[in-house]
C-alpha atoms as a PDB file:
ATOM      1  CA  MET A   1      -0.131   0.073  -0.039  1.00  0.00           C
ATOM      2  CA  GLY A   2       1.200   3.601  -0.658  1.00  0.00           C
ATOM      3  CA  TYR A   3       2.923   2.420  -3.952  1.00  0.00           C
ATOM      4  CA  TYR A   4       2.408   4.461  -7.279  1.00  0.00           C
ATOM      5  CA  GLY A   5       3.871   3.122 -10.362  1.00  0.00           C
ATOM      6  CA  GLY A   6       6.443   1.496  -8.323  1.00  0.00           C
ATOM      7  CA  MET A   7       7.717   4.239  -6.139  1.00  0.00           C
ATOM      8  CA  HIS A   8       6.582   4.559  -2.545  1.00  0.00           C
ATOM      9  CA  MET A   9       4.566   7.701  -2.044  1.00  0.00           C
ATOM     10  CA  GLY A  10       6.739   9.211   0.505  1.00  0.00           C
ATOM     11  CA  TRP A  11       9.256   9.743  -2.367  1.00  0.00           C
ATOM     12  CA  ILE A  12       6.910  11.321  -4.570  1.00  0.00           C
ATOM     13  CA  ILE A  13       5.882  13.667  -1.793  1.00  0.00           C
ATOM     14  CA  LEU A  14       9.600  14.455  -0.805  1.00  0.00           C
ATOM     15  CA  CYS A  15      10.746  15.043  -4.625  1.00  0.00           C
ATOM     16  CA  THR A  16       7.551  17.704  -4.987  1.00  0.00           C
ATOM     17  CA  ILE A  17       8.883  19.172  -1.684  1.00  0.00           C
ATOM     18  CA  ALA A  18      12.291  19.502  -3.363  1.00  0.00           C
ATOM     19  CA  VAL A  19      11.214  20.552  -6.666  1.00  0.00           C
ATOM     20  CA  VAL A  20       9.028  23.042  -5.052  1.00  0.00           C
ATOM     21  CA  THR A  21      11.803  24.347  -2.316  1.00  0.00           C
ATOM     22  CA  ILE A  22      14.036  24.465  -5.452  1.00  0.00           C
ATOM     23  CA  VAL A  23      12.166  27.139  -7.564  1.00  0.00           C
ATOM     24  CA  ALA A  24      10.655  29.284  -5.016  1.00  0.00           C
ATOM     25  CA  LEU A  25      14.351  29.711  -4.204  1.00  0.00           C
ATOM     26  CA  VAL A  26      15.359  30.356  -7.892  1.00  0.00           C
ATOM     27  CA  VAL A  27      12.779  33.406  -7.720  1.00  0.00           C
ATOM     28  CA  TRP A  28      13.943  34.675  -4.607  1.00  0.00           C
ATOM     29  CA  ALA A  29      17.501  34.759  -5.796  1.00  0.00           C
ATOM     30  CA  THR A  30      16.247  36.725  -8.930  1.00  0.00           C
ATOM     31  CA  MET A  31      14.072  39.307  -7.172  1.00  0.00           C
ATOM     32  CA  HIS A  32      16.888  39.799  -4.609  1.00  0.00           C
ATOM     33  CA  THR A  33      19.891  40.410  -7.149  1.00  0.00           C
ATOM     34  CA  GLY A  34      21.452  43.700  -7.828  1.00  0.00           C
ATOM     35  CA  ASN A  35      19.983  45.916 -10.530  1.00  0.00           C
ATOM     36  CA  SER A  36      22.126  45.061 -13.732  1.00  0.00           C
ATOM     37  CA  SER A  37      19.415  46.662 -15.782  1.00  0.00           C
ATOM     38  CA  GLY A  38      20.845  50.242 -15.679  1.00  0.00           C
ATOM     39  CA  VAL A  39      17.679  51.651 -14.168  1.00  0.00           C
ATOM     40  CA  ARG A  40      18.587  53.655 -11.235  1.00  0.00           C
ATOM     41  CA  ASP A  41      16.904  52.059  -8.309  1.00  0.00           C
ATOM     42  CA  GLU A  42      14.752  54.439  -6.346  1.00  0.00           C
ATOM     43  CA  ARG A  43      15.232  52.900  -3.078  1.00  0.00           C
ATOM     44  CA  ALA A  44      18.933  53.329  -3.396  1.00  0.00           C
ATOM     45  CA  ILE A  45      20.297  55.286  -0.491  1.00  0.00           C
ATOM     46  CA  SER A  46      22.206  58.479  -1.442  1.00  0.00           C
ATOM     47  CA  PRO A  47      22.316  61.975   0.932  1.00  0.00           C
ATOM     48  CA  ASP A  48      19.890  63.424  -1.416  1.00  0.00           C
ATOM     49  CA  ASN A  49      17.083  60.539  -0.945  1.00  0.00           C
ATOM     50  CA  ALA A  50      18.027  60.712   3.087  1.00  0.00           C
ATOM     51  CA  LEU A  51      17.192  64.148   3.321  1.00  0.00           C
ATOM     52  CA  GLU A  52      13.967  63.992   1.175  1.00  0.00           C
ATOM     53  CA  THR A  53      12.599  61.090   3.235  1.00  0.00           C
ATOM     54  CA  LEU A  54      13.723  63.106   6.661  1.00  0.00           C
ATOM     55  CA  GLU A  55      11.532  65.876   5.316  1.00  0.00           C
ATOM     56  CA  ARG A  56       8.596  63.738   4.546  1.00  0.00           C
ATOM     57  CA  ARG A  57       8.698  61.632   7.847  1.00  0.00           C
ATOM     58  CA  PHE A  58       9.282  65.335   9.766  1.00  0.00           C
ATOM     59  CA  ALA A  59       6.114  66.945   7.476  1.00  0.00           C
ATOM     60  CA  LYS A  60       3.908  63.883   8.194  1.00  0.00           C
ATOM     61  CA  GLY A  61       4.789  64.451  11.902  1.00  0.00           C
ATOM     62  CA  GLU A  62       6.445  61.033  12.610  1.00  0.00           C
ATOM     63  CA  ILE A  63       9.359  62.832  14.096  1.00  0.00           C
ATOM     64  CA  ASP A  64       9.405  66.144  16.236  1.00  0.00           C
ATOM     65  CA  ASP A  65      11.238  69.104  15.354  1.00  0.00           C
ATOM     66  CA  SER A  66      14.418  67.920  17.689  1.00  0.00           C
ATOM     67  CA  GLU A  67      14.633  64.389  16.272  1.00  0.00           C
ATOM     68  CA  TYR A  68      14.670  66.181  12.613  1.00  0.00           C
ATOM     69  CA  GLN A  69      17.542  68.998  13.226  1.00  0.00           C
ATOM     70  CA  ARG A  70      19.593  66.158  14.699  1.00  0.00           C
ATOM     71  CA  ARG A  71      19.386  63.578  12.195  1.00  0.00           C
ATOM     72  CA  ARG A  72      19.602  66.725   9.300  1.00  0.00           C
ATOM     73  CA  GLN A  73      22.817  67.429  11.093  1.00  0.00           C
ATOM     74  CA  LEU A  74      24.390  63.748  11.144  1.00  0.00           C
ATOM     75  CA  LEU A  75      23.602  63.850   6.941  1.00  0.00           C
ATOM     76  CA  THR A  76      24.750  67.039   6.124  1.00  0.00           C
ATOM     77  CA  GLN A  77      28.011  66.503   7.654  1.00  0.00           C
ATOM     78  CA  HIS A  78      31.215  65.711   5.913  1.00  0.00           C
END
């Protein structure tokens, strides 16, 4: 009992899980590799992007004035 075409059902399930895992890893790796298309990644951190994010957070009220000033000073130091 539990045989299908000469293979034990456990092996079929194990092989199916292995194939699904490999496919999932390939998809994950593809999505998390560097941007090689030459298009600028909008999520890239640069001082300008960091300042824009800081200003946006301050405008939304997520941080207060003293925190805004402290972080802005850190970002603009050389």
